[in-house]
Protein backbone atom coordinates (compact mmCIF):
# COMPACT_ATOMS: atom_id res chain seq x y z
CA UNK A 1 0.00 0.00 0.00
CA UNK A 2 1.26 3.46 -0.90
CA UNK A 3 1.48 6.02 1.83
CA UNK A 4 2.54 9.62 1.60
CA UNK A 5 4.18 10.47 -1.66
CA UNK A 6 3.98 8.70 -4.97
CA UNK A 7 6.14 6.34 -6.91
CA UNK A 8 9.51 6.86 -8.48
CA UNK A 9 9.23 3.77 -10.64
CA UNK A 10 6.82 0.88 -11.22
CA UNK A 11 7.58 -2.78 -11.54
CA UNK A 12 6.01 -5.00 -14.17
CA UNK A 13 3.31 -6.05 -11.72
CA UNK A 14 2.38 -2.44 -11.14
CA UNK A 15 3.67 -2.11 -7.58
CA UNK A 16 5.79 0.80 -6.53
CA UNK A 17 9.40 0.17 -5.68
CA UNK A 18 9.82 3.22 -3.47
CA UNK A 19 7.98 6.42 -2.65
CA UNK A 20 9.29 9.59 -4.24
CA UNK A 21 11.30 11.74 -1.89
CA UNK A 22 10.58 15.43 -1.38
CA UNK A 23 13.64 16.22 -3.49
CA UNK A 24 12.42 14.07 -6.39
CA UNK A 25 8.96 15.60 -6.22
CA UNK A 26 10.35 19.14 -6.21
CA UNK A 27 12.56 18.40 -9.22
CA UNK A 28 9.61 17.09 -11.20
CA UNK A 29 7.39 19.89 -9.93
CA UNK A 30 9.88 22.51 -11.15
CA UNK A 31 9.25 21.60 -14.79
CA UNK A 32 5.49 21.40 -14.29
CA UNK A 33 5.32 24.79 -12.60
CA UNK A 34 7.59 26.38 -15.20
CA UNK A 35 5.22 25.23 -17.96
CA UNK A 36 2.20 26.46 -15.99
CA UNK A 37 3.97 29.78 -15.41
CA UNK A 38 4.41 30.11 -19.18
CA UNK A 39 0.71 29.44 -19.81
CA UNK A 40 -0.66 31.85 -17.20
CA UNK A 41 2.01 34.45 -18.01
CA UNK A 42 1.05 34.41 -21.67
CA UNK A 43 -2.62 34.86 -20.85
CA UNK A 44 -2.11 37.72 -18.38
CA UNK A 45 0.76 39.47 -20.17
CA UNK A 46 -1.66 40.45 -22.92
CA UNK A 47 -4.25 42.04 -20.59
CA UNK A 48 -2.50 45.40 -20.25
CA UNK A 49 -1.26 45.28 -23.84
CA UNK A 50 -4.72 44.79 -25.34
CA UNK A 51 -5.71 48.46 -25.57
CA UNK A 52 -2.46 49.13 -27.49
CA UNK A 53 -2.84 45.99 -29.64
CA UNK A 54 -6.40 46.82 -30.61
CA UNK A 55 -5.51 50.44 -31.35
CA UNK A 56 -2.68 49.22 -33.62
CA UNK A 57 -4.77 46.57 -35.41
CA UNK A 58 -7.98 48.62 -35.48
CA UNK A 59 -9.90 46.36 -33.10
CA UNK A 60 -13.19 47.03 -31.34
CA UNK A 61 -14.60 46.36 -27.85
CA UNK A 62 -16.19 43.11 -29.05
CA UNK A 63 -12.86 41.98 -30.50
CA UNK A 64 -11.16 43.00 -27.23
CA UNK A 65 -13.31 40.43 -25.45
CA UNK A 66 -12.77 37.82 -28.15
CA UNK A 67 -8.97 37.95 -27.87
CA UNK A 68 -9.44 36.65 -24.33
CA UNK A 69 -12.53 34.51 -24.94
CA UNK A 70 -11.04 32.58 -27.90
CA UNK A 71 -8.20 31.31 -25.73
CA UNK A 72 -10.49 30.45 -22.81
CA UNK A 73 -13.02 28.78 -25.12
CA UNK A 74 -10.56 26.31 -26.66
CA UNK A 75 -8.86 25.74 -23.29
CA UNK A 76 -12.25 25.00 -21.76
CA UNK A 77 -13.49 22.76 -24.57
CA UNK A 78 -10.33 20.64 -24.78
CA UNK A 79 -9.65 20.25 -21.04
CA UNK A 80 -11.80 17.10 -20.59
CA UNK A 81 -10.12 15.53 -23.62
CA UNK A 82 -6.64 16.16 -22.21
CA UNK A 83 -7.76 14.73 -18.89
CA UNK A 84 -9.18 11.57 -20.42
CA UNK A 85 -6.09 11.04 -22.57
CA UNK A 86 -3.97 11.25 -19.41
CA UNK A 87 -5.88 8.26 -18.00
CA UNK A 88 -4.93 6.28 -21.11
CA UNK A 89 -1.49 7.46 -22.29
CA UNK A 90 1.80 8.91 -21.02
CA UNK A 91 1.11 11.98 -18.90
CA UNK A 92 4.62 13.25 -19.50
CA UNK A 93 4.39 13.09 -23.31
CA UNK A 94 0.96 14.71 -23.25
CA UNK A 95 2.28 17.55 -21.08
CA UNK A 96 5.16 18.11 -23.49
CA UNK A 97 2.74 18.06 -26.44
CA UNK A 98 0.66 20.74 -24.70
CA UNK A 99 3.79 22.87 -24.31
CA UNK A 100 4.59 22.53 -28.03
CA UNK A 101 1.06 23.52 -29.11
CA UNK A 102 1.06 26.49 -26.74
CA UNK A 103 4.48 27.65 -27.96
CA UNK A 104 3.46 27.48 -31.63
CA UNK A 105 0.36 29.54 -30.85
CA UNK A 106 2.50 32.12 -29.04
CA UNK A 107 4.93 32.50 -31.94
CA UNK A 108 2.09 32.90 -34.45
CA UNK A 109 0.28 35.38 -32.19
CA UNK A 110 3.32 37.63 -32.32
CA UNK A 111 3.22 37.84 -36.12
CA UNK A 112 -0.55 38.41 -36.45
CA UNK A 113 -1.42 41.18 -38.93
CA UNK A 114 -5.12 41.50 -38.18
CA UNK A 115 -7.60 40.94 -35.36
CA UNK A 116 -9.10 37.75 -36.90
CA UNK A 117 -5.59 36.28 -37.19
CA UNK A 118 -4.75 37.19 -33.60
CA UNK A 119 -7.99 35.66 -32.33
CA UNK A 120 -7.32 32.44 -34.28
CA UNK A 121 -3.78 32.12 -32.90
CA UNK A 122 -5.05 32.78 -29.38
CA UNK A 123 -7.48 29.90 -29.90
CA UNK A 124 -4.51 27.66 -30.76
CA UNK A 125 -2.76 28.84 -27.59
CA UNK A 126 -5.88 27.86 -25.67
CA UNK A 127 -5.65 24.23 -26.80
CA UNK A 128 -2.18 24.02 -25.27
CA UNK A 129 -3.26 25.94 -22.19
CA UNK A 130 -6.11 23.49 -21.61
CA UNK A 131 -3.59 20.67 -21.48
CA UNK A 132 -1.19 22.49 -19.18
CA UNK A 133 -3.91 23.44 -16.68
CA UNK A 134 -5.54 20.01 -16.60
CA UNK A 135 -2.45 17.79 -16.69
CA UNK A 136 -0.53 19.46 -13.86
CA UNK A 137 -3.30 18.43 -11.46
CA UNK A 138 -3.27 14.88 -12.83
CA UNK A 139 0.51 14.48 -12.66
CA UNK A 140 0.65 15.76 -9.08
CA UNK A 141 -2.15 13.36 -8.14
CA UNK A 142 -0.08 10.49 -9.59
CA UNK A 143 2.90 11.42 -7.41
CA UNK A 144 1.50 12.63 -4.09
CA UNK A 145 -1.30 11.49 -1.75
CA UNK A 146 -4.16 13.96 -1.02
CA UNK A 147 -3.01 14.52 2.57
CA UNK A 148 0.47 15.61 1.43
CA UNK A 149 -0.80 17.27 -1.74
CA UNK A 150 -1.86 20.49 0.00
CA UNK A 151 1.70 21.68 0.57
CA UNK A 152 2.51 21.14 -3.11
CA UNK A 153 -0.72 22.52 -4.60
CA UNK A 154 0.10 25.67 -2.67
CA UNK A 155 3.00 26.07 -5.10
CA UNK A 156 0.49 25.99 -7.96
CA UNK A 157 -1.46 28.84 -6.37
CA UNK A 158 1.79 30.72 -5.86
CA UNK A 159 2.67 30.19 -9.52
CA UNK A 160 -0.73 31.56 -10.53
CA UNK A 161 -0.07 34.58 -8.33
CA UNK A 162 3.43 35.23 -9.66
CA UNK A 163 2.26 34.91 -13.27
CA UNK A 164 -0.79 37.05 -12.62
CA UNK A 165 1.23 39.92 -11.19
CA UNK A 166 4.32 39.65 -13.38
CA UNK A 167 2.30 39.18 -16.58
CA UNK A 168 0.51 42.55 -16.64
CA UNK A 169 3.61 44.37 -15.39
CA UNK A 170 5.89 42.69 -17.92
CA UNK A 171 3.32 43.30 -20.63
CA UNK A 172 3.15 46.96 -19.69
CA UNK A 173 6.93 47.31 -19.73
CA UNK A 174 7.15 45.64 -23.16
CA UNK A 175 4.40 47.82 -24.63
CA UNK A 176 5.98 50.98 -23.21
CA UNK A 177 9.42 49.95 -24.55
CA UNK A 178 10.76 50.06 -28.14
CA UNK A 179 10.17 46.29 -28.42
CA UNK A 180 6.47 46.69 -29.11
CA UNK A 181 3.45 44.56 -28.19
CA UNK A 182 4.46 41.57 -30.37
CA UNK A 183 7.12 40.63 -27.84
CA UNK A 184 4.33 39.99 -25.34
CA UNK A 185 3.79 36.75 -27.26
CA UNK A 186 7.41 35.91 -27.99
CA UNK A 187 8.90 36.52 -24.54
CA UNK A 188 7.43 33.30 -23.12
CA UNK A 189 8.90 31.03 -25.84
CA UNK A 190 12.34 30.53 -24.18
CA UNK A 191 10.59 29.64 -20.90
CA UNK A 192 8.43 27.09 -22.71
CA UNK A 193 11.48 25.47 -24.29
CA UNK A 194 13.17 25.33 -20.87
CA UNK A 195 10.04 23.74 -19.35
CA UNK A 196 10.02 21.10 -22.09
CA UNK A 197 13.66 20.17 -21.39
CA UNK A 198 13.28 20.16 -17.60
CA UNK A 199 10.24 17.90 -17.79
CA UNK A 200 12.12 15.49 -20.03
CA UNK A 201 14.84 15.11 -17.43
CA UNK A 202 12.91 15.18 -14.15
CA UNK A 203 9.43 13.71 -14.64
CA UNK A 204 9.35 9.90 -14.41
CA UNK A 205 5.95 8.26 -14.08
CA UNK A 206 4.76 4.73 -14.86
CA UNK A 207 2.93 4.50 -18.19
CA UNK A 208 0.03 2.08 -18.11
CA UNK A 209 -0.61 0.65 -21.55
CA UNK A 210 -3.98 -0.97 -22.26
CA UNK A 211 -6.26 -1.45 -25.20
CA UNK A 212 -8.55 1.56 -25.41
CA UNK A 213 -11.06 3.17 -27.73
CA UNK A 214 -11.05 6.96 -27.67
CA UNK A 215 -14.54 8.43 -27.53
CA UNK A 216 -14.03 10.87 -30.39
CA UNK A 217 -17.77 11.27 -31.04
CA UNK A 218 -18.47 12.26 -27.44
CA UNK A 219 -15.48 14.62 -27.44
CA UNK A 220 -16.62 16.29 -30.67
CA UNK A 221 -20.19 16.75 -29.41
CA UNK A 222 -18.95 18.13 -26.09
CA UNK A 223 -16.57 20.61 -27.73
CA UNK A 224 -19.22 21.65 -30.26
CA UNK A 225 -21.91 22.19 -27.65
CA UNK A 226 -19.69 24.26 -25.36
CA UNK A 227 -18.32 26.26 -28.31
CA UNK A 228 -21.82 27.15 -29.58
CA UNK A 229 -22.89 28.21 -26.09
CA UNK A 230 -19.87 30.44 -25.53
CA UNK A 231 -20.07 31.97 -29.02
CA UNK A 232 -23.72 32.81 -28.38
CA UNK A 233 -22.87 34.49 -25.06
CA UNK A 234 -20.10 36.48 -26.78
CA UNK A 235 -22.16 37.72 -29.75
CA UNK A 236 -25.66 38.11 -28.32
CA UNK A 237 -26.59 41.71 -27.66
CA UNK A 238 -24.04 42.98 -30.18
CA UNK A 239 -24.24 41.06 -33.46
CA UNK A 240 -27.88 40.06 -32.84
CA UNK A 241 -30.54 40.45 -30.15
CA UNK A 242 -30.59 38.23 -27.06
CA UNK A 243 -34.13 37.23 -28.00
CA UNK A 244 -34.00 36.47 -31.72
CA UNK A 245 -34.06 33.67 -34.26
CA UNK A 246 -30.26 33.61 -34.34
CA UNK A 247 -30.08 33.22 -30.57
CA UNK A 248 -32.58 30.38 -30.79
CA UNK A 249 -30.42 28.60 -33.37
CA UNK A 250 -27.28 28.92 -31.23
CA UNK A 251 -29.05 27.75 -28.05
CA UNK A 252 -30.85 24.96 -29.86
CA UNK A 253 -27.65 23.74 -31.46
CA UNK A 254 -25.78 23.83 -28.14
CA UNK A 255 -28.54 21.99 -26.27
CA UNK A 256 -28.83 19.36 -29.02
CA UNK A 257 -25.06 18.77 -29.14
CA UNK A 258 -24.74 18.52 -25.35
CA UNK A 259 -27.79 16.24 -25.08
CA UNK A 260 -26.27 13.92 -27.68
CA UNK A 261 -22.95 14.10 -25.82
CA UNK A 262 -24.68 12.95 -22.60
CA UNK A 263 -26.34 10.10 -24.53
CA UNK A 264 -23.04 8.99 -26.04
CA UNK A 265 -21.09 9.35 -22.78
CA UNK A 266 -23.60 7.17 -20.94
CA UNK A 267 -23.04 4.27 -23.34
CA UNK A 268 -19.36 4.15 -24.33
CA UNK A 269 -16.80 2.14 -22.36
CA UNK A 270 -14.24 4.97 -22.13
CA UNK A 271 -16.23 8.24 -21.88
CA UNK A 272 -14.37 11.54 -22.07
CA UNK A 273 -16.65 12.84 -19.32
CA UNK A 274 -17.66 9.93 -17.02
CA UNK A 275 -21.22 10.80 -15.95
CA UNK A 276 -21.03 8.47 -12.94
CA UNK A 277 -18.71 10.97 -11.28
CA UNK A 278 -21.65 13.36 -10.90
CA UNK A 279 -23.46 10.80 -8.75
CA UNK A 280 -21.21 11.88 -5.90
CA UNK A 281 -22.44 14.88 -3.93
CA UNK A 282 -18.92 16.17 -3.21
CA UNK A 283 -17.92 16.04 -6.85
CA UNK A 284 -21.03 17.83 -8.11
CA UNK A 285 -20.88 20.59 -5.49
CA UNK A 286 -17.16 21.14 -6.09
CA UNK A 287 -17.74 21.48 -9.83
CA UNK A 288 -20.57 23.96 -9.20
CA UNK A 289 -18.43 25.90 -6.75
CA UNK A 290 -15.55 26.34 -9.15
CA UNK A 291 -17.63 28.25 -11.74
CA UNK A 292 -17.52 31.59 -9.93
CA UNK A 293 -13.81 31.15 -9.18
CA UNK A 294 -13.12 31.14 -12.92
CA UNK A 295 -15.32 34.18 -13.47
CA UNK A 296 -13.52 36.14 -10.75
CA UNK A 297 -10.03 34.99 -11.72
CA UNK A 298 -10.23 35.62 -15.47
CA UNK A 299 -12.74 38.47 -15.42
CA UNK A 300 -10.76 40.38 -12.81
CA UNK A 301 -7.53 40.15 -14.79
CA UNK A 302 -9.18 41.15 -18.08
CA UNK A 303 -11.31 44.10 -17.02
CA UNK A 304 -9.05 45.58 -14.35
CA UNK A 305 -6.36 46.37 -16.93
CA UNK A 306 -8.97 48.10 -19.06
CA UNK A 307 -10.31 50.03 -16.07
CA UNK A 308 -6.94 51.39 -14.97
CA UNK A 309 -5.82 52.33 -18.47
CA UNK A 310 -9.00 53.69 -20.02
CA UNK A 311 -10.97 54.97 -17.02
CA UNK A 312 -8.04 56.21 -14.93
CA UNK A 313 -5.55 57.00 -17.70
CA UNK A 314 -2.60 54.98 -16.37
CA UNK A 315 0.14 53.44 -18.51
CA UNK A 316 0.15 49.65 -19.07
CA UNK A 317 3.02 49.25 -16.59
CA UNK A 318 1.26 51.28 -13.90
CA UNK A 319 -1.97 49.39 -14.51
CA UNK A 320 -0.16 46.11 -13.85
CA UNK A 321 1.25 47.40 -10.57
CA UNK A 322 -2.23 48.42 -9.41
CA UNK A 323 -3.31 44.76 -9.34
CA UNK A 324 -0.61 43.81 -6.80
CA UNK A 325 -3.00 43.68 -3.80
CA UNK A 326 -5.15 41.04 -5.54
CA UNK A 327 -2.15 38.91 -6.48
CA UNK A 328 -0.52 39.21 -3.07
CA UNK A 329 -3.75 38.04 -1.46
CA UNK A 330 -3.94 35.06 -3.85
CA UNK A 331 -0.29 34.16 -3.24
CA UNK A 332 -0.50 34.25 0.55
CA UNK A 333 -3.85 32.50 0.89
CA UNK A 334 -3.02 29.63 -1.47
CA UNK A 335 0.41 29.02 0.09
CA UNK A 336 -0.66 29.27 3.73
CA UNK A 337 -3.86 27.29 3.21
CA UNK A 338 -1.94 24.50 1.47
CA UNK A 339 0.52 24.14 4.35
CA UNK A 340 -2.21 24.10 7.03
CA UNK A 341 -4.36 21.62 5.08
CA UNK A 342 -1.42 19.21 4.81
CA UNK A 343 -1.03 19.33 8.60
CA UNK A 344 -4.70 19.11 9.57
CA UNK A 345 -6.29 17.27 6.64
CA UNK A 346 -9.23 19.72 6.72
CA UNK A 347 -10.34 21.76 3.71
CA UNK A 348 -13.86 23.02 4.38
CA UNK A 349 -12.93 25.96 6.69
CA UNK A 350 -10.75 27.40 3.92
CA UNK A 351 -13.40 26.80 1.26
CA UNK A 352 -16.15 28.51 3.24
CA UNK A 353 -13.92 31.37 4.35
CA UNK A 354 -12.62 31.85 0.81
CA UNK A 355 -16.14 31.91 -0.64
CA UNK A 356 -17.28 34.52 1.89
CA UNK A 357 -14.30 36.76 1.12
CA UNK A 358 -14.81 36.30 -2.63
CA UNK A 359 -18.44 37.44 -2.42
CA UNK A 360 -17.46 40.34 -0.14
CA UNK A 361 -14.56 41.45 -2.34
CA UNK A 362 -16.57 41.33 -5.57
CA UNK A 363 -19.50 43.06 -3.90
CA UNK A 364 -17.28 45.92 -2.75
CA UNK A 365 -15.72 46.17 -6.21
CA UNK A 366 -19.27 46.53 -7.48
CA UNK A 367 -19.30 49.99 -5.90
CA UNK A 368 -16.33 51.40 -7.86
CA UNK A 369 -16.60 54.18 -10.44
CA UNK A 370 -14.16 56.48 -12.25
CA UNK A 371 -13.47 58.45 -9.04
CA UNK A 372 -13.02 55.62 -6.50
CA UNK A 373 -10.13 56.01 -4.09
CA UNK A 374 -7.44 53.63 -5.38
CA UNK A 375 -6.17 52.69 -1.90
CA UNK A 376 -9.67 51.57 -0.96
CA UNK A 377 -9.95 49.68 -4.24
CA UNK A 378 -6.66 47.91 -3.44
CA UNK A 379 -8.27 46.59 -0.24
CA UNK A 380 -11.22 45.26 -2.22
CA UNK A 381 -8.86 43.54 -4.66
CA UNK A 382 -6.95 41.93 -1.77
CA UNK A 383 -10.18 40.40 -0.43
CA UNK A 384 -11.01 38.99 -3.85
CA UNK A 385 -7.49 37.57 -4.21
CA UNK A 386 -7.60 35.86 -0.81
CA UNK A 387 -10.94 34.32 -1.74
CA UNK A 388 -9.72 32.97 -5.08
CA UNK A 389 -6.49 31.63 -3.53
CA UNK A 390 -8.40 29.75 -0.82
CA UNK A 391 -10.79 28.15 -3.30
CA UNK A 392 -8.96 27.51 -6.57
CA UNK A 393 -6.68 24.53 -5.81
CA UNK A 394 -8.58 23.25 -2.78
CA UNK A 395 -11.72 22.52 -4.79
CA UNK A 396 -9.59 20.33 -7.07
CA UNK A 397 -8.04 18.66 -4.02
CA UNK A 398 -11.47 17.85 -2.57
CA UNK A 399 -12.49 16.14 -5.80
CA UNK A 400 -9.23 14.18 -6.13
CA UNK A 401 -9.66 12.92 -2.58
CA UNK A 402 -12.92 11.18 -3.50
CA UNK A 403 -12.03 9.45 -6.79
CA UNK A 404 -9.79 6.52 -7.67
CA UNK A 405 -6.64 6.77 -9.75
CA UNK A 406 -8.40 5.31 -12.80
CA UNK A 407 -10.62 8.41 -12.95
CA UNK A 408 -8.08 10.93 -11.65
CA UNK A 409 -7.42 12.52 -15.04
CA UNK A 410 -11.08 12.83 -15.96
CA UNK A 411 -12.17 14.11 -12.54
CA UNK A 412 -9.38 16.68 -12.24
CA UNK A 413 -9.93 17.95 -15.76
CA UNK A 414 -13.69 18.28 -15.24
CA UNK A 415 -13.11 20.67 -12.32
CA UNK A 416 -10.61 22.64 -14.39
CA UNK A 417 -13.07 22.51 -17.31
CA UNK A 418 -15.86 24.14 -15.31
CA UNK A 419 -13.49 26.71 -13.81
CA UNK A 420 -12.39 27.68 -17.32
CA UNK A 421 -16.00 27.54 -18.51
CA UNK A 422 -16.90 29.98 -15.75
CA UNK A 423 -14.03 32.20 -16.83
CA UNK A 424 -14.84 32.03 -20.53
CA UNK A 425 -18.59 32.49 -20.16
CA UNK A 426 -18.00 35.10 -17.48
CA UNK A 427 -15.61 37.15 -19.61
CA UNK A 428 -17.98 36.91 -22.58
CA UNK A 429 -21.10 37.82 -20.63
CA UNK A 430 -19.43 40.52 -18.53
CA UNK A 431 -17.80 41.90 -21.68
CA UNK A 432 -21.22 42.15 -23.30
CA UNK A 433 -22.61 43.89 -20.21
CA UNK A 434 -19.67 46.28 -20.14
CA UNK A 435 -20.03 47.15 -23.84
CA UNK A 436 -23.74 47.85 -23.45
CA UNK A 437 -23.26 49.89 -20.27
CA UNK A 438 -20.44 51.95 -21.76
CA UNK A 439 -22.34 52.62 -24.97
CA UNK A 440 -25.48 53.72 -23.11
CA UNK A 441 -23.58 55.91 -20.64
CA UNK A 442 -21.64 57.62 -23.46
CA UNK A 443 -24.84 58.29 -25.40
CA UNK A 444 -26.58 59.72 -22.33
CA UNK A 445 -23.63 61.94 -21.38
CA UNK A 446 -23.21 63.32 -24.90
CA UNK A 447 -26.92 63.92 -25.19
CA UNK A 448 -26.80 66.04 -22.03
CA UNK A 449 -23.91 67.99 -23.58
CA UNK A 450 -25.77 68.38 -26.84
CA UNK A 451 -23.04 66.49 -28.70
CA UNK A 452 -23.61 63.75 -31.26
CA UNK A 453 -20.54 61.93 -32.57
CA UNK A 454 -20.20 58.47 -34.16
CA UNK A 455 -16.73 58.26 -32.65
CA UNK A 456 -18.28 58.28 -29.21
CA UNK A 457 -19.64 54.76 -29.55
CA UNK A 458 -16.36 53.33 -28.32
CA UNK A 459 -17.96 50.98 -25.85
CA UNK A 460 -20.37 49.54 -28.36
CA UNK A 461 -17.79 48.38 -30.84
CA UNK A 462 -15.90 51.45 -32.06
CA UNK A 463 -12.23 52.26 -31.62
CA UNK A 464 -10.54 51.69 -28.25
CA UNK A 465 -7.86 54.26 -29.05
CA UNK A 466 -9.30 56.79 -26.61
CA UNK A 467 -6.41 59.23 -27.08
CA UNK A 468 -7.46 59.72 -30.70
CA UNK A 469 -10.85 61.10 -29.65
CA UNK A 470 -11.62 64.80 -29.07
CA UNK A 471 -10.74 65.97 -25.54
CA UNK A 472 -14.37 66.47 -24.48
CA UNK A 473 -15.32 63.01 -25.70
CA UNK A 474 -12.29 61.45 -24.00
CA UNK A 475 -13.56 62.56 -20.60
CA UNK A 476 -17.00 61.14 -21.30
CA UNK A 477 -15.57 57.80 -22.46
CA UNK A 478 -13.25 57.45 -19.48
CA UNK A 479 -16.06 58.18 -17.05
CA UNK A 480 -18.33 55.71 -18.82
CA UNK A 481 -15.76 52.91 -18.57
CA UNK A 482 -15.05 53.63 -14.92
CA UNK A 483 -18.69 53.71 -13.88
CA UNK A 484 -19.62 50.61 -15.92
CA UNK A 485 -16.82 48.53 -14.38
CA UNK A 486 -18.61 48.50 -11.03
CA UNK A 487 -21.65 46.93 -12.68
CA UNK A 488 -19.76 43.92 -14.02
CA UNK A 489 -18.15 43.21 -10.64
CA UNK A 490 -21.59 43.37 -9.04
CA UNK A 491 -22.79 40.71 -11.50
CA UNK A 492 -19.71 38.62 -10.65
CA UNK A 493 -20.56 38.92 -6.93
CA UNK A 494 -24.00 37.44 -7.62
CA UNK A 495 -22.36 34.50 -9.40
CA UNK A 496 -20.00 34.03 -6.44
CA UNK A 497 -22.99 33.47 -4.16
CA UNK A 498 -23.47 30.15 -5.98
CA UNK A 499 -19.95 29.13 -4.93
CA UNK A 500 -20.67 30.06 -1.32
CA UNK A 501 -23.85 27.96 -1.24
CA UNK A 502 -22.06 25.01 -2.89
CA UNK A 503 -19.18 24.88 -0.40
CA UNK A 504 -21.54 25.29 2.56
CA UNK A 505 -23.27 22.05 1.59
CA UNK A 506 -20.01 20.15 0.98
CA UNK A 507 -19.54 17.18 3.29
CA UNK A 508 -15.93 17.21 4.45
CA UNK A 509 -14.03 13.94 4.01
CA UNK A 510 -10.64 13.59 5.75
CA UNK A 511 -7.83 13.64 3.20
CA UNK A 512 -6.50 10.15 2.60
CA UNK A 513 -2.81 9.34 2.98
CA UNK A 514 -2.72 6.89 0.05
CA UNK A 515 -2.60 7.59 -3.66
CA UNK A 516 -5.65 5.46 -4.44
CA UNK A 517 -8.96 4.85 -2.73
CA UNK A 518 -9.38 1.84 -0.46
CA UNK A 519 -11.78 0.14 -2.88
CA UNK A 520 -9.33 0.34 -5.76
CA UNK A 521 -6.50 -0.99 -3.59
CA UNK A 522 -8.66 -3.96 -2.61
CA UNK A 523 -9.34 -4.61 -6.29
CA UNK A 524 -5.60 -4.45 -6.89
CA UNK A 525 -5.06 -7.09 -4.20
CA UNK A 526 -7.66 -9.39 -5.71
CA UNK A 527 -6.46 -8.98 -9.30
CA UNK A 528 -2.76 -9.00 -8.49
CA UNK A 529 -2.91 -12.03 -6.23
CA UNK A 530 -0.11 -11.21 -3.81
CA UNK A 531 0.50 -7.54 -4.69
CA UNK A 532 -1.32 -4.56 -3.24
CA UNK A 533 -1.63 -1.93 -5.96
CA UNK A 534 -2.70 1.68 -5.87
CA UNK A 535 -2.77 2.13 -9.60
CA UNK A 536 -5.64 1.61 -11.98
CA UNK A 537 -8.18 -1.14 -12.20
CA UNK A 538 -7.80 -2.45 -15.78
CA UNK A 539 -5.21 -5.18 -16.40
CA UNK A 540 -1.73 -3.87 -17.11
CA UNK A 541 -0.26 -4.99 -20.41
CA UNK A 542 3.07 -3.27 -19.98
CA UNK A 543 4.55 -0.39 -18.04
CA UNK A 544 7.41 1.85 -18.99
CA UNK A 545 9.08 4.02 -16.36
CA UNK A 546 10.38 7.41 -17.30
CA UNK A 547 7.87 8.39 -19.97
């Protein structure tokens, strides 16, 4: 029976020869975290550069949202597929493949000549990002027991924090320098190459080879249904009315595709999204609770940069520095919570406390306008960051504690999937709300001034190059953006209430000290004869260490 940490190697029977030491785990974790740093850095580094990018490429407010949404959409849609593949094939090779896809998308993003090209390359980045986000949870679960996992998942939260703060700042510095915004995409490439090499040398996991049939039909239906839903959320209210024939077609197509996906997943032997997982109360509530975390995490990063630059007139670099309170809160809460959870084995106090602070922080941010005291706003951001840091990794940990190793990839990726879905849908919906609010506020303000100018429709899809507008209109636009930002955070606070309710009803289960569940270990004893196994249930054909 495995206790504590995971395996360094596996014998032909599937038993572990020796647990991995802390040193071995940290060496392997270094490559994983470096790759994750690259992914999050590349997504946040663009946030403060977007106003400059869109001004250079002639983009609009709707395209501003799509640069972010395209990446989140493909990351969201492909996450369950990456997770399922990790249950069937080499986790190490899949992680390296995700790095390659992400790197190619980054290089192409830097040479984009138009907004449609940039959006397409961001979508390619998202496929790689989906793999990086999902697989790091799976690999850690294959190495470390849930009880010990808290201290290591704290490093993941810290990596998120470092990337979140350094990304916008680095992006601002690059945009303000002679290098230009294209280097925001290229700067992460050397780090990605380094992560690929480090993983090749440090990550050694057993590869379980068995005859499988990939559920490509279910995967296609799932991706199609989610994509149609997110595209509808992004375009409704701008390209067509929320209540219209076009909306009905999008919704109908999404519902039909997802219904067929459920039908297929309930009948295939190797479903991409095992529906039986949702029979567990803890799993279902954790998935529900992670939705608002994604909305707060991605929405905050996207719209804060726009608020500080457009509404308050700060440079990209300064705008990045203004988000430090949020990132510091995320860093401290995720690291401290992880250490305490490893010692006590209890997660629910941190989940409930984090959810309360998340609702409070977003609610207070809902009061901001273009004149809000920035010190006070920093306090609000710190509360939101502490809430996200306490929830993000611990919801994944709660799920991993209740499933066997055979479903670890699928279960972990489903939680990441819904977190990204919350972020993608949240950014799309909040972006639509922001565009409508800004457009209406600009129109009302200009009407009071007796001014009518087509250029003033910035928020509804016109230029985001505010400095190119007449001085009088600039003031109106900045005020409109600042006042509308409070509205979208208020909507996010309402979504966060769902997370609070979900974690309140979670039944806490003590974190186990073994890699696999007791039931699966018993099955391993029965199938292996004399060997107790904490690997997967299906018969092992062959195992290769080091892949």
